[in-house]
């Protein structure tokens, strides 16, 4: 029984490797014109190359349409992670 549990748990574990710059740019291109060049640079600066963090920062930025957008989005991002 322990061997079966070990195999099941290990087969469900998924690895997400850091993106390179080309991959990050390709992912952010899917957003079309929702992100400015400044927004894209901000996402990369805050989230780094981590796929989950890029997604979380992008979502936080999309949810924010107020003044000081980057500051508010960063606060929401750090609350999420």
Protein backbone atom coordinates (compact mmCIF):
# COMPACT_ATOMS: atom_id res chain seq x y z
CA UNK A 1 0.00 0.00 0.00
CA UNK A 2 2.80 2.47 0.82
CA UNK A 3 4.43 1.94 -2.57
CA UNK A 4 1.15 2.69 -4.38
CA UNK A 5 0.64 5.87 -2.37
CA UNK A 6 4.24 6.92 -3.10
CA UNK A 7 3.78 6.37 -6.84
CA UNK A 8 0.47 8.22 -6.95
CA UNK A 9 1.72 11.22 -4.98
CA UNK A 10 4.93 11.48 -6.98
CA UNK A 11 3.20 11.16 -10.33
CA UNK A 12 0.96 14.13 -9.51
CA UNK A 13 3.84 16.42 -8.62
CA UNK A 14 4.52 18.92 -11.40
CA UNK A 15 7.56 21.13 -11.84
CA UNK A 16 7.41 24.64 -13.28
CA UNK A 17 10.79 25.85 -14.44
CA UNK A 18 11.70 29.55 -14.70
CA UNK A 19 10.84 31.18 -18.00
CA UNK A 20 13.47 32.78 -20.18
CA UNK A 21 12.89 36.34 -21.43
CA UNK A 22 11.47 35.15 -24.77
CA UNK A 23 8.91 32.97 -22.98
CA UNK A 24 7.89 35.80 -20.67
CA UNK A 25 7.40 38.15 -23.61
CA UNK A 26 5.41 35.49 -25.49
CA UNK A 27 3.10 34.92 -22.50
CA UNK A 28 2.52 38.64 -22.00
CA UNK A 29 1.77 39.05 -25.73
CA UNK A 30 -1.41 36.99 -25.17
CA UNK A 31 -2.76 39.94 -23.20
CA UNK A 32 -2.70 42.03 -26.35
CA UNK A 33 -2.76 45.73 -25.54
CA UNK A 34 -3.88 45.30 -21.92
CA UNK A 35 -0.30 45.87 -20.72
CA UNK A 36 1.87 48.78 -21.78
CA UNK A 37 5.63 48.37 -22.21
CA UNK A 38 5.99 49.92 -18.76
CA UNK A 39 3.53 47.37 -17.31
CA UNK A 40 5.42 44.47 -18.89
CA UNK A 41 8.72 45.71 -17.48
CA UNK A 42 7.07 46.10 -14.07
CA UNK A 43 5.70 42.55 -14.16
CA UNK A 44 9.12 41.15 -15.01
CA UNK A 45 10.87 43.26 -12.37
CA UNK A 46 8.50 42.21 -9.58
CA UNK A 47 7.76 38.60 -10.55
CA UNK A 48 11.11 37.61 -11.98
CA UNK A 49 11.03 34.50 -14.16
CA UNK A 50 8.71 32.41 -12.00
CA UNK A 51 5.62 31.29 -14.01
CA UNK A 52 3.24 31.46 -11.03
CA UNK A 53 4.47 34.88 -9.93
CA UNK A 54 4.17 36.26 -13.47
CA UNK A 55 0.58 35.07 -13.57
CA UNK A 56 -0.20 36.49 -10.12
CA UNK A 57 1.42 39.87 -10.86
CA UNK A 58 -0.37 40.10 -14.20
CA UNK A 59 -3.72 39.40 -12.52
CA UNK A 60 -3.05 41.98 -9.81
CA UNK A 61 -2.18 44.58 -12.42
CA UNK A 62 -5.27 43.81 -14.50
CA UNK A 63 -7.50 44.24 -11.43
CA UNK A 64 -6.09 47.71 -10.75
CA UNK A 65 -7.23 50.73 -12.77
CA UNK A 66 -6.57 53.43 -10.22
CA UNK A 67 -3.89 56.08 -9.90
CA UNK A 68 -0.56 54.70 -8.68
CA UNK A 69 -1.54 51.46 -10.40
CA UNK A 70 1.81 49.73 -9.98
CA UNK A 71 2.03 50.47 -6.27
CA UNK A 72 -1.50 49.20 -5.58
CA UNK A 73 -1.01 46.14 -7.79
CA UNK A 74 2.24 45.32 -5.98
CA UNK A 75 0.47 45.47 -2.61
CA UNK A 76 -2.25 43.13 -3.87
CA UNK A 77 0.38 40.83 -5.36
CA UNK A 78 2.31 40.55 -2.11
CA UNK A 79 -0.92 39.89 -0.21
CA UNK A 80 -1.66 37.00 -2.60
CA UNK A 81 1.66 35.26 -2.37
